[in-house]
Amino acid sequence: RNAGSSMGDSYYAVSAQGKLIVFYNDSQENLSQDIALKPASSTVYKNVMLVAAIVEPDGSLKREKVIDLKDQNFLGIVESMKVLSPSAVQLRVQKVKGLGGAGNEQMLATITID
């Protein structure tokens, strides 16, 4: 789902092994704070990483880093995510240029769901 008109402003939800997993890009600042607090906004794509919010069958929620390539200026393109199997998803990871535009480099990442 696209929540905006910019690259990386999306989320992808998948049900796997009884859990709901929502993949999205977020900053370390937001990941470190309580989810009930208002998130810090960012328009700097170079400062974000791919995160998974995992809702367990009992309703508990945890968030964790999935792909952190911000030091190399890469962004997970959640819009490109697809399910490979009940325990694996794949997405494109795109180089981000200075003002947030797409660079020429990209790669595929496969994520295994435990």
Protein backbone atom coordinates (compact mmCIF):
# COMPACT_ATOMS: atom_id res chain seq x y z
CA ARG A 1 0.00 0.00 0.00
CA ASN A 2 1.24 3.45 -0.83
CA ALA A 3 0.75 6.00 1.93
CA GLY A 4 2.16 8.87 -0.10
CA SER A 5 3.53 9.75 -3.49
CA SER A 6 7.22 9.34 -2.73
CA MET A 7 9.56 6.41 -2.98
CA GLY A 8 9.60 4.46 0.28
CA ASP A 9 6.42 6.02 1.72
CA SER A 10 4.57 2.72 1.79
CA TYR A 11 3.93 -0.35 3.84
CA TYR A 12 3.38 -4.01 3.06
CA ALA A 13 1.40 -6.29 5.35
CA VAL A 14 1.61 -10.06 5.29
CA SER A 15 0.18 -12.80 7.46
CA ALA A 16 2.72 -15.51 8.26
CA GLN A 17 2.83 -18.23 10.89
CA GLY A 18 -0.14 -16.78 12.74
CA LYS A 19 1.40 -13.30 12.92
CA LEU A 20 0.61 -10.06 11.13
CA ILE A 21 3.83 -8.45 9.87
CA VAL A 22 3.86 -4.90 8.53
CA PHE A 23 7.01 -3.82 6.70
CA TYR A 24 7.74 -0.10 6.38
CA ASN A 25 10.64 2.37 6.43
CA ASP A 26 11.33 4.26 9.65
CA SER A 27 14.09 6.08 11.52
CA GLN A 28 16.10 4.78 14.46
CA GLU A 29 14.62 7.61 16.53
CA ASN A 30 11.08 6.32 16.00
CA LEU A 31 12.07 2.70 16.46
CA SER A 32 13.67 3.52 19.81
CA GLN A 33 10.64 5.28 21.27
CA ASP A 34 7.32 3.94 22.52
CA ILE A 35 5.01 3.22 19.59
CA ALA A 36 2.19 5.16 21.32
CA LEU A 37 4.18 8.41 21.02
CA LYS A 38 3.89 10.67 18.01
CA PRO A 39 6.56 9.64 15.48
CA ALA A 40 9.18 12.10 14.32
CA SER A 41 8.69 12.96 10.67
CA SER A 42 11.48 12.73 8.16
CA THR A 43 11.78 13.57 4.52
CA VAL A 44 15.40 12.43 4.46
CA TYR A 45 15.32 8.94 2.97
CA LYS A 46 18.98 8.43 3.78
CA ASN A 47 18.11 8.28 7.50
CA VAL A 48 15.65 5.39 7.40
CA MET A 49 15.79 1.61 7.46
CA LEU A 50 13.33 -1.18 6.71
CA VAL A 51 11.41 -2.17 9.83
CA ALA A 52 8.91 -4.92 10.61
CA ALA A 53 6.09 -4.38 13.09
CA ILE A 54 5.09 -7.85 14.24
CA VAL A 55 1.71 -8.47 15.84
CA GLU A 56 1.69 -11.82 17.65
CA PRO A 57 -1.48 -13.94 17.95
CA ASP A 58 -1.92 -12.70 21.55
CA GLY A 59 -1.99 -9.07 20.30
CA SER A 60 1.47 -8.12 21.54
CA LEU A 61 3.53 -5.94 19.23
CA LYS A 62 7.25 -5.64 18.63
CA ARG A 63 9.22 -3.72 16.04
CA GLU A 64 12.61 -4.70 14.69
CA LYS A 65 15.10 -3.67 12.04
CA VAL A 66 15.03 -5.84 8.96
CA ILE A 67 17.40 -4.07 6.56
CA ASP A 68 19.65 -1.20 7.66
CA LEU A 69 21.67 0.10 4.71
CA LYS A 70 21.26 3.81 5.46
CA ASP A 71 25.05 4.23 5.77
CA GLN A 72 25.31 3.16 2.12
CA ASN A 73 22.29 5.35 1.17
CA PHE A 74 20.00 2.45 0.24
CA LEU A 75 16.25 2.39 0.89
CA GLY A 76 13.91 -0.62 0.96
CA ILE A 77 11.24 -0.15 -1.70
CA VAL A 78 8.26 -1.69 0.05
CA GLU A 79 6.07 -1.09 -3.01
CA SER A 80 8.09 -3.80 -4.79
CA MET A 81 7.66 -6.45 -2.06
CA LYS A 82 6.30 -9.84 -3.08
CA VAL A 83 5.72 -13.09 -1.24
CA LEU A 84 8.05 -15.89 -2.38
CA SER A 85 6.76 -18.55 0.03
CA PRO A 86 4.88 -18.72 3.35
CA SER A 87 8.17 -17.87 5.10
CA ALA A 88 9.94 -15.52 2.65
CA VAL A 89 9.37 -12.16 0.97
CA GLN A 90 11.53 -10.24 -1.50
CA LEU A 91 11.89 -6.55 -2.29
CA ARG A 92 14.05 -4.13 -4.21
CA VAL A 93 16.58 -2.01 -2.32
CA GLN A 94 17.32 1.26 -4.16
CA LYS A 95 20.25 3.68 -3.93
CA VAL A 96 19.06 7.15 -2.88
CA LYS A 97 20.67 10.30 -4.28
CA GLY A 98 21.35 13.54 -2.42
CA LEU A 99 17.86 15.06 -2.57
CA GLY A 100 16.01 11.77 -2.18
CA GLY A 101 15.71 10.79 -5.82
CA ALA A 102 16.35 7.25 -7.04
CA GLY A 103 19.95 6.45 -7.88
CA ASN A 104 21.10 3.99 -10.54
CA GLU A 105 22.09 1.18 -8.17
CA GLN A 106 19.64 -1.38 -6.83
CA MET A 107 19.60 -4.93 -5.54
CA LEU A 108 17.11 -7.56 -4.43
CA ALA A 109 16.78 -8.58 -0.80
CA THR A 110 15.09 -11.72 0.44
CA ILE A 111 13.71 -11.72 3.98
CA THR A 112 13.05 -14.97 5.83
CA ILE A 113 10.16 -14.87 8.28
CA ASP A 114 10.69 -16.89 11.47
